[in-house]
Amino acid sequence: MNSREQFSDTKSQKSIEHFLHTRKQSEAFCQPLEVEDYGLQAIAETSPAKWHLAHTSWFFETFILKPYEKGFKHFQSKYEYLFNSYYNGVGEQFLRSNRGLLSRPTVKEVYQYRENITQRIAQLLNTKSNDSSRIQELLILGINHEQQHQELFFTDLLFNWYQNPLLPVYQKPKQTAVNADFKDTHWLSQKGGLTTIGANDVSNEFIFDNESPQHQCFLNAFEIQNRLVTNQEFLEFIQDSGYKRPEFWLSDGWAAVQQHQWQAPLYWQNKGNRWYQYGLNGLNELEMAAPVCHISAYEADAYARWYGARLPTEAEWESVAQHKTLKQANFVESMNLAPLASESEQFFGDVWEWTSSAYSPYPGFKAPEGAVGEYNGKFMCNQLVLKGGSCVTSHSHIRSSYRNFFYPEARWQFSGLRLARDL
């Protein structure tokens, strides 16, 4: 065996281990659930835990087993329809808003489905074929896809549970509240000029197609805060009637405030003139030094205007963050499952950071051919970019070029903000 073959075999083995670890991790995250929790769906935008478990298996079955497994047969032919999220190139999909009505297949049957697909993928990966390179590419995409759904599992579960007056608790708080004051806020000054953002698929590091191609863009001189906006700071905006003053709000944002009667971030509750916040660790007194979380882009923008600043653009944020470290960031591996007060700059982890940039294709972007090309490209309209990852994002999943995207009114994601302003 030559050195190239040895390298290929080593890479393949690592991929198998990563695949198996990711599959087991999804199931481990479900351990605190009762069977009644698996089917909850409060709104169309949130999916039941059971659906996440099945859909990620559907992805591996559809894009790897179906085209590459010898003698392929569906585990259950109707699953191709039931658990297809939005891939029109694959076929029709069960109505998204009705996923919570799928009492069958049962939770037990979904786990049987997962086990079957996991075993067949592992067997396929151990088989030499002329398609091994393409299978490896799809495998890594599938792993990253499942990591995204692990994050959605937590965000969706939290929102679904919030509809229950009992306010279910996923776990007890792992870390006690931090009451210490932050170090002094300061601004990181950045010179104007050309900067390079994005990433190219030229190394062994995975990237999503929407992160490419790497390209240059021109930035005017700006400055960005060294840390995230805290609950205490956002509370000052509320106390200054921020939700009642239209001068701070974009037109669509003000309409959303009126329609939904927003008065504070999602999951905040005021009881006896004390503020509390519901999370996966239960209902606890608001931790003032922690980053504000579960706010829409409209709220982030309104706060920035009230402060006399603005949201950073995607290019501004990335130009600074690409020189920062992910070490000691608060990702899902810590199992805090909540944003934490920190002395660090928190460019990664804790909360996704809203930017003012539209989610649109980079110059020269081309979506991959086939149904898998629908993964990112077709959503490049009417959404905004978020950067940095959150407390329920996997550490191995994030990087400075990563582009998350949501509609500006979305609040159930772990989303917050950092301020910027022109120089």
Protein backbone atom coordinates (compact mmCIF):
# COMPACT_ATOMS: atom_id res chain seq x y z
CA MET A 1 0.00 0.00 0.00
CA ASN A 2 1.49 3.34 -1.01
CA SER A 3 1.40 6.49 1.11
CA ARG A 4 -1.50 8.01 -0.83
CA GLU A 5 -3.64 4.91 -0.26
CA GLN A 6 -2.72 4.91 3.43
CA PHE A 7 -3.74 8.56 3.71
CA SER A 8 -7.01 7.80 1.94
CA ASP A 9 -7.76 4.86 4.25
CA THR A 10 -6.94 6.92 7.33
CA LYS A 11 -9.20 9.73 6.16
CA SER A 12 -11.96 7.22 5.42
CA GLN A 13 -11.69 5.66 8.88
CA LYS A 14 -11.86 9.07 10.53
CA SER A 15 -14.96 9.86 8.49
CA ILE A 16 -16.62 6.64 9.65
CA GLU A 17 -15.77 7.44 13.28
CA HIS A 18 -17.09 10.99 12.87
CA PHE A 19 -20.26 9.65 11.29
CA LEU A 20 -20.90 7.12 14.07
CA HIS A 21 -20.13 9.70 16.77
CA THR A 22 -22.56 12.20 15.26
CA ARG A 23 -25.31 9.62 14.99
CA LYS A 24 -24.86 8.55 18.61
CA GLN A 25 -24.72 12.16 19.76
CA SER A 26 -28.13 12.95 18.25
CA GLU A 27 -29.61 10.08 20.19
CA ALA A 28 -27.77 11.03 23.38
CA PHE A 29 -29.29 14.52 23.19
CA CYS A 30 -32.73 12.87 23.24
CA GLN A 31 -32.09 10.86 26.42
CA PRO A 32 -33.81 13.33 28.82
CA LEU A 33 -37.02 13.23 26.74
CA GLU A 34 -40.16 11.31 27.55
CA VAL A 35 -41.95 9.64 24.66
CA GLU A 36 -44.63 12.37 24.76
CA ASP A 37 -41.96 15.01 23.99
CA TYR A 38 -40.91 13.52 20.66
CA GLY A 39 -43.95 14.64 18.66
CA LEU A 40 -44.34 18.28 19.73
CA GLN A 41 -44.65 20.98 17.07
CA ALA A 42 -45.92 24.38 18.19
CA ILE A 43 -45.56 26.19 14.85
CA ALA A 44 -44.62 25.26 11.30
CA GLU A 45 -41.10 26.60 11.79
CA THR A 46 -40.30 24.13 14.56
CA SER A 47 -40.13 20.40 13.97
CA PRO A 48 -40.72 17.51 16.38
CA ALA A 49 -37.68 15.76 17.83
CA LYS A 50 -38.82 12.53 16.22
CA TRP A 51 -38.88 14.20 12.81
CA HIS A 52 -35.30 15.46 13.22
CA LEU A 53 -34.14 11.93 14.05
CA ALA A 54 -35.91 10.52 11.00
CA HIS A 55 -35.05 13.28 8.53
CA THR A 56 -31.31 13.05 9.17
CA SER A 57 -31.56 9.31 8.45
CA TRP A 58 -33.59 10.08 5.32
CA PHE A 59 -30.74 12.32 4.15
CA PHE A 60 -28.16 9.52 4.30
CA GLU A 61 -30.59 7.03 2.77
CA THR A 62 -31.61 9.33 -0.08
CA PHE A 63 -28.29 10.84 -1.10
CA ILE A 64 -25.89 7.96 -0.34
CA LEU A 65 -27.62 4.59 -0.06
CA LYS A 66 -30.14 5.04 -2.86
CA PRO A 67 -27.58 5.86 -5.59
CA TYR A 68 -24.60 3.84 -4.32
CA GLU A 69 -25.78 0.79 -2.33
CA LYS A 70 -25.92 -2.43 -4.35
CA GLY A 71 -29.44 -3.85 -4.37
CA PHE A 72 -30.83 -0.79 -2.57
CA LYS A 73 -34.26 -1.06 -1.02
CA HIS A 74 -36.10 1.58 1.00
CA PHE A 75 -36.42 0.88 4.69
CA GLN A 76 -39.99 2.08 4.22
CA SER A 77 -40.92 3.54 0.83
CA LYS A 78 -43.31 6.16 2.29
CA TYR A 79 -40.52 7.63 4.43
CA GLU A 80 -39.12 9.23 1.26
CA TYR A 81 -42.25 11.39 1.26
CA LEU A 82 -42.76 11.78 5.02
CA PHE A 83 -39.25 12.94 5.89
CA ASN A 84 -38.27 14.95 2.83
CA SER A 85 -37.89 18.50 4.10
CA TYR A 86 -37.78 20.65 0.96
CA TYR A 87 -35.95 18.78 -1.81
CA ASN A 88 -38.19 19.14 -4.85
CA GLY A 89 -35.66 17.23 -6.92
CA VAL A 90 -36.37 14.16 -4.77
CA GLY A 91 -40.14 14.44 -4.88
CA GLU A 92 -43.14 15.75 -2.97
CA GLN A 93 -42.96 16.44 0.74
CA PHE A 94 -45.37 15.91 3.62
CA LEU A 95 -46.74 19.30 4.68
CA ARG A 96 -44.25 20.94 7.03
CA SER A 97 -46.84 22.38 9.38
CA ASN A 98 -48.33 18.90 9.92
CA ARG A 99 -45.21 17.10 11.09
CA GLY A 100 -46.57 17.08 14.62
CA LEU A 101 -49.48 14.93 13.44
CA LEU A 102 -47.23 12.00 12.59
CA SER A 103 -47.94 9.75 15.56
CA ARG A 104 -46.75 6.94 13.30
CA PRO A 105 -44.09 5.84 12.74
CA THR A 106 -43.64 5.49 16.47
CA VAL A 107 -40.56 6.68 18.31
CA LYS A 108 -39.45 3.04 18.54
CA GLU A 109 -39.81 2.62 14.78
CA VAL A 110 -37.86 5.81 14.09
CA TYR A 111 -34.99 4.51 16.20
CA GLN A 112 -35.14 1.24 14.27
CA TYR A 113 -34.96 3.25 11.05
CA ARG A 114 -31.93 5.14 12.33
CA GLU A 115 -30.14 1.96 13.34
CA ASN A 116 -30.78 0.37 9.95
CA ILE A 117 -29.47 3.37 8.01
CA THR A 118 -26.45 3.78 10.29
CA GLN A 119 -25.43 0.15 9.84
CA ARG A 120 -25.89 0.23 6.07
CA ILE A 121 -23.90 3.44 5.69
CA ALA A 122 -21.05 2.00 7.79
CA GLN A 123 -21.09 -1.16 5.67
CA LEU A 124 -21.03 0.85 2.46
CA LEU A 125 -18.13 2.95 3.70
CA ASN A 126 -16.10 -0.19 4.34
CA THR A 127 -16.63 -1.32 0.74
CA LYS A 128 -14.16 -0.20 -1.90
CA SER A 129 -15.80 1.32 -4.96
CA ASN A 130 -15.10 3.69 -7.81
CA ASP A 131 -17.56 6.09 -6.19
CA SER A 132 -15.71 6.24 -2.84
CA SER A 133 -14.61 9.85 -3.30
CA ARG A 134 -18.14 11.07 -4.03
CA ILE A 135 -19.57 8.99 -1.18
CA GLN A 136 -17.04 10.58 1.17
CA GLU A 137 -18.11 14.07 0.06
CA LEU A 138 -21.78 13.25 0.65
CA LEU A 139 -20.98 11.60 3.98
CA ILE A 140 -19.26 14.74 5.31
CA LEU A 141 -22.15 16.85 4.05
CA GLY A 142 -24.56 14.50 5.81
CA ILE A 143 -22.61 14.71 9.07
CA ASN A 144 -22.70 18.50 8.98
CA HIS A 145 -26.37 18.37 8.05
CA GLU A 146 -27.06 16.23 11.12
CA GLN A 147 -25.12 18.66 13.30
CA GLN A 148 -27.39 21.42 12.06
CA HIS A 149 -30.40 19.36 13.07
CA GLN A 150 -28.88 18.69 16.49
CA GLU A 151 -28.93 22.44 16.99
CA LEU A 152 -32.47 22.68 15.66
CA PHE A 153 -33.47 19.89 18.03
CA PHE A 154 -32.59 22.15 20.99
CA THR A 155 -34.05 25.36 19.58
CA ASP A 156 -37.28 23.66 18.51
CA LEU A 157 -37.67 21.70 21.74
CA LEU A 158 -37.26 24.88 23.78
CA PHE A 159 -39.93 26.73 21.82
CA ASN A 160 -42.30 23.76 21.87
CA TRP A 161 -41.88 23.34 25.63
CA TYR A 162 -42.42 27.07 26.19
CA GLN A 163 -46.07 26.62 25.20
CA ASN A 164 -46.51 24.43 28.30
CA PRO A 165 -47.29 26.37 31.53
CA LEU A 166 -45.30 23.74 33.44
CA LEU A 167 -42.17 25.00 31.65
CA PRO A 168 -40.39 21.61 31.36
CA VAL A 169 -36.71 21.44 32.25
CA TYR A 170 -34.20 19.62 30.03
CA GLN A 171 -31.43 19.71 32.64
CA LYS A 172 -30.44 21.53 35.80
CA PRO A 173 -28.12 24.52 35.25
CA LYS A 174 -24.60 23.23 34.82
CA GLN A 175 -22.89 26.52 35.65
CA THR A 176 -24.04 28.94 38.31
CA ALA A 177 -24.82 32.51 37.37
CA VAL A 178 -21.91 34.89 37.00
CA ASN A 179 -22.55 38.17 38.77
CA ALA A 180 -19.15 39.73 38.22
CA ASP A 181 -19.07 42.88 36.11
CA PHE A 182 -17.61 42.76 32.64
CA LYS A 183 -14.31 44.28 31.83
CA ASP A 184 -14.71 47.75 30.36
CA THR A 185 -16.34 47.77 26.96
CA HIS A 186 -14.12 49.02 24.21
CA TRP A 187 -14.18 49.28 20.46
CA LEU A 188 -11.87 47.41 18.09
CA SER A 189 -10.85 49.84 15.36
CA GLN A 190 -10.44 48.44 11.86
CA LYS A 191 -8.78 50.17 8.93
CA GLY A 192 -10.62 50.39 5.65
CA GLY A 193 -9.53 48.69 2.45
CA LEU A 194 -9.78 45.33 0.75
CA THR A 195 -10.46 42.26 2.86
CA THR A 196 -10.89 38.61 1.95
CA ILE A 197 -13.92 36.67 3.18
CA GLY A 198 -15.48 33.33 2.42
CA ALA A 199 -13.70 30.04 1.85
CA ASN A 200 -12.64 27.78 -1.00
CA ASP A 201 -13.00 24.02 -1.09
CA VAL A 202 -9.32 23.44 -1.71
CA SER A 203 -8.25 21.67 1.49
CA ASN A 204 -9.44 18.78 3.61
CA GLU A 205 -11.61 21.15 5.67
CA PHE A 206 -15.34 20.97 4.95
CA ILE A 207 -17.28 24.07 3.96
CA PHE A 208 -20.84 24.54 2.79
CA ASP A 209 -21.32 25.72 -0.78
CA ASN A 210 -22.71 29.09 0.37
CA GLU A 211 -19.35 29.97 1.97
CA SER A 212 -17.66 30.04 -1.41
CA PRO A 213 -16.06 31.31 -3.47
CA GLN A 214 -13.56 33.19 -1.37
CA HIS A 215 -13.40 36.75 -2.61
CA GLN A 216 -12.34 40.28 -1.81
CA CYS A 217 -14.57 43.14 -0.78
CA PHE A 218 -13.89 46.74 0.17
CA LEU A 219 -14.63 48.00 3.67
CA ASN A 220 -14.67 51.53 4.94
CA ALA A 221 -12.96 52.10 8.28
CA PHE A 222 -15.17 50.94 11.14
CA GLU A 223 -15.07 49.78 14.73
CA ILE A 224 -16.77 46.88 16.42
CA GLN A 225 -17.41 46.21 20.10
CA ASN A 226 -15.12 43.76 21.84
CA ARG A 227 -18.04 41.84 23.33
CA LEU A 228 -21.68 40.95 22.91
CA VAL A 229 -24.56 43.10 24.14
CA THR A 230 -25.71 41.85 27.56
CA ASN A 231 -29.09 41.31 29.15
CA GLN A 232 -28.45 44.28 31.44
CA GLU A 233 -27.78 46.55 28.48
CA PHE A 234 -30.83 45.35 26.59
CA LEU A 235 -32.94 45.82 29.72
CA GLU A 236 -31.94 49.48 29.69
CA PHE A 237 -33.37 49.72 26.17
CA ILE A 238 -36.64 48.23 27.45
CA GLN A 239 -36.75 50.57 30.44
CA ASP A 240 -36.27 53.52 28.08
CA SER A 241 -39.50 52.47 26.31
CA GLY A 242 -37.54 51.03 23.39
CA TYR A 243 -40.42 48.80 22.32
CA LYS A 244 -42.78 51.78 22.31
CA ARG A 245 -40.72 54.27 20.29
CA PRO A 246 -41.13 53.81 16.53
CA GLU A 247 -38.17 56.05 15.73
CA PHE A 248 -35.80 53.17 16.50
CA TRP A 249 -37.52 50.58 14.35
CA LEU A 250 -37.47 49.55 10.74
CA SER A 251 -40.95 49.66 9.22
CA ASP A 252 -41.35 45.88 9.12
CA GLY A 253 -39.91 45.64 12.62
CA TRP A 254 -42.38 48.12 14.04
CA ALA A 255 -45.21 46.25 12.34
CA ALA A 256 -43.97 43.03 13.98
CA VAL A 257 -43.86 44.72 17.39
CA GLN A 258 -47.47 45.85 16.98
CA GLN A 259 -48.70 42.54 15.59
CA HIS A 260 -47.03 40.30 18.16
CA GLN A 261 -47.05 42.76 21.07
CA TRP A 262 -43.35 42.25 21.72
CA GLN A 263 -42.22 43.85 24.96
CA ALA A 264 -39.01 41.93 25.66
CA PRO A 265 -36.91 39.13 24.14
CA LEU A 266 -38.55 35.76 23.71
CA TYR A 267 -38.57 33.67 26.93
CA TRP A 268 -38.27 36.72 29.23
CA GLN A 269 -40.86 36.98 32.00
CA ASN A 270 -41.44 39.81 34.47
CA LYS A 271 -42.69 38.73 37.89
CA GLY A 272 -42.92 41.10 40.81
CA ASN A 273 -40.62 43.61 39.09
CA ARG A 274 -37.96 40.93 38.66
CA TRP A 275 -36.97 39.52 35.31
CA TYR A 276 -36.66 35.82 34.59
CA GLN A 277 -35.65 33.89 31.51
CA TYR A 278 -36.81 30.45 30.43
CA GLY A 279 -34.31 28.11 28.85
CA LEU A 280 -33.33 24.48 28.57
CA ASN A 281 -32.15 24.80 32.19
CA GLY A 282 -35.61 25.91 33.33
CA LEU A 283 -36.94 29.29 34.44
CA ASN A 284 -34.21 31.23 36.22
CA GLU A 285 -33.61 34.80 37.26
CA LEU A 286 -32.20 36.80 34.36
CA GLU A 287 -28.42 36.70 34.36
CA MET A 288 -27.60 40.35 33.71
CA ALA A 289 -24.02 39.85 32.52
CA ALA A 290 -24.90 37.11 30.01
CA PRO A 291 -25.40 37.96 26.33
CA VAL A 292 -28.93 38.91 25.36
CA CYS A 293 -30.52 36.08 23.42
CA HIS A 294 -33.61 35.10 21.42
CA ILE A 295 -34.10 38.44 19.71
CA SER A 296 -35.06 39.10 16.13
CA ALA A 297 -32.97 41.09 13.69
CA TYR A 298 -35.53 43.86 14.09
CA GLU A 299 -34.91 44.01 17.84
CA ALA A 300 -31.15 43.86 17.34
CA ASP A 301 -31.33 46.70 14.83
CA ALA A 302 -33.61 48.79 17.05
CA TYR A 303 -31.28 48.40 20.01
CA ALA A 304 -28.32 49.43 17.88
CA ARG A 305 -30.13 52.56 16.68
CA TRP A 306 -31.15 53.41 20.24
CA TYR A 307 -27.51 53.05 21.31
CA GLY A 308 -26.30 55.24 18.46
CA ALA A 309 -24.57 52.43 16.60
CA ARG A 310 -25.52 49.79 14.03
CA LEU A 311 -25.22 46.10 13.28
CA PRO A 312 -21.99 44.99 11.60
CA THR A 313 -22.07 43.75 8.04
CA GLU A 314 -21.17 40.14 7.38
CA ALA A 315 -17.85 41.20 5.81
CA GLU A 316 -16.98 43.46 8.76
CA TRP A 317 -17.69 40.72 11.29
CA GLU A 318 -15.77 38.08 9.39
CA SER A 319 -12.78 40.32 8.74
CA VAL A 320 -12.33 40.62 12.51
CA ALA A 321 -13.43 37.14 13.59
CA GLN A 322 -11.10 35.29 11.20
CA HIS A 323 -8.25 36.38 13.49
CA LYS A 324 -9.99 35.20 16.67
CA THR A 325 -9.85 31.77 18.31
CA LEU A 326 -12.60 29.22 18.93
CA LYS A 327 -10.81 27.92 22.01
CA GLN A 328 -12.83 27.95 25.25
CA ALA A 329 -15.94 29.13 23.39
CA ASN A 330 -19.30 28.06 24.80
CA PHE A 331 -20.53 25.45 22.31
CA VAL A 332 -22.87 22.49 22.79
CA GLU A 333 -19.98 20.27 23.91
CA SER A 334 -19.90 22.22 27.19
CA MET A 335 -23.57 21.26 27.73
CA ASN A 336 -24.28 24.59 29.39
CA LEU A 337 -27.07 24.98 26.82
CA ALA A 338 -27.33 28.69 27.62
CA PRO A 339 -25.29 31.82 26.83
CA LEU A 340 -22.83 32.62 29.60
CA ALA A 341 -21.24 35.75 30.94
CA SER A 342 -17.59 35.78 29.95
CA GLU A 343 -14.50 37.94 30.02
CA SER A 344 -13.70 36.83 26.47
CA GLU A 345 -14.72 38.57 23.27
CA GLN A 346 -17.16 35.77 22.46
CA PHE A 347 -16.86 35.95 18.69
CA PHE A 348 -17.77 32.26 18.66
CA GLY A 349 -20.36 30.34 20.63
CA ASP A 350 -22.97 31.61 23.11
CA VAL A 351 -25.26 33.33 20.56
CA TRP A 352 -25.52 33.72 16.82
CA GLU A 353 -24.82 37.34 15.93
CA TRP A 354 -27.19 39.17 13.62
CA THR A 355 -25.57 41.14 10.81
CA SER A 356 -27.16 43.72 8.54
CA SER A 357 -26.19 41.71 5.43
CA ALA A 358 -28.71 40.03 3.19
CA TYR A 359 -28.21 36.33 2.65
CA SER A 360 -27.26 36.35 -1.01
CA PRO A 361 -24.80 34.47 -3.23
CA TYR A 362 -21.15 35.44 -3.26
CA PRO A 363 -19.74 36.56 -6.63
CA GLY A 364 -19.25 33.46 -8.75
CA PHE A 365 -21.39 31.18 -6.57
CA LYS A 366 -22.79 28.11 -8.28
CA ALA A 367 -25.06 25.61 -6.54
CA PRO A 368 -24.10 21.94 -7.01
CA GLU A 369 -26.06 19.98 -9.57
CA GLY A 370 -28.93 17.74 -8.58
CA ALA A 371 -31.27 17.76 -5.59
CA VAL A 372 -28.41 18.21 -3.11
CA GLY A 373 -27.85 21.61 -4.74
CA GLU A 374 -31.10 22.76 -3.11
CA TYR A 375 -29.39 22.66 0.30
CA ASN A 376 -28.52 26.37 0.51
CA GLY A 377 -28.81 28.19 -2.78
CA LYS A 378 -32.57 28.38 -3.13
CA PHE A 379 -32.92 30.19 0.21
CA MET A 380 -30.85 33.20 -0.86
CA CYS A 381 -33.74 35.64 -0.66
CA ASN A 382 -35.34 37.79 2.07
CA GLN A 383 -33.14 36.50 4.90
CA LEU A 384 -30.24 37.94 6.89
CA VAL A 385 -26.87 36.42 7.75
CA LEU A 386 -25.89 35.43 11.31
CA LYS A 387 -22.34 34.55 12.31
CA GLY A 388 -20.38 32.83 15.04
CA GLY A 389 -22.45 29.89 16.31
CA SER A 390 -24.21 29.50 19.64
CA CYS A 391 -24.29 27.52 22.87
CA VAL A 392 -26.13 24.71 21.05
CA THR A 393 -23.82 24.62 18.00
CA SER A 394 -21.18 21.93 17.66
CA HIS A 395 -17.60 23.20 18.03
CA SER A 396 -16.44 21.17 15.03
CA HIS A 397 -19.22 22.67 12.93
CA ILE A 398 -18.31 26.36 13.10
CA ARG A 399 -15.72 28.66 11.53
CA SER A 400 -15.48 32.36 10.69
CA SER A 401 -16.74 31.83 7.13
CA TYR A 402 -19.87 29.91 8.25
CA ARG A 403 -23.08 31.59 7.09
CA ASN A 404 -26.27 30.97 9.04
CA PHE A 405 -29.43 32.64 7.79
CA PHE A 406 -32.89 33.37 9.11
CA TYR A 407 -35.82 35.61 8.38
CA PRO A 408 -35.43 38.87 10.32
CA GLU A 409 -38.48 38.27 12.54
CA ALA A 410 -37.19 34.90 13.82
CA ARG A 411 -36.64 34.78 17.60
CA TRP A 412 -36.56 31.10 18.63
CA GLN A 413 -32.95 30.72 17.51
CA PHE A 414 -30.16 31.50 20.03
CA SER A 415 -29.53 34.90 18.42
CA GLY A 416 -28.04 38.11 19.85
CA LEU A 417 -25.92 41.01 18.67
CA ARG A 418 -22.66 42.91 18.71
CA LEU A 419 -22.47 46.61 17.88
CA ALA A 420 -20.50 48.37 15.16
CA ARG A 421 -20.18 51.92 13.95
CA ASP A 422 -18.44 53.92 11.26
CA LEU A 423 -15.16 55.70 11.79
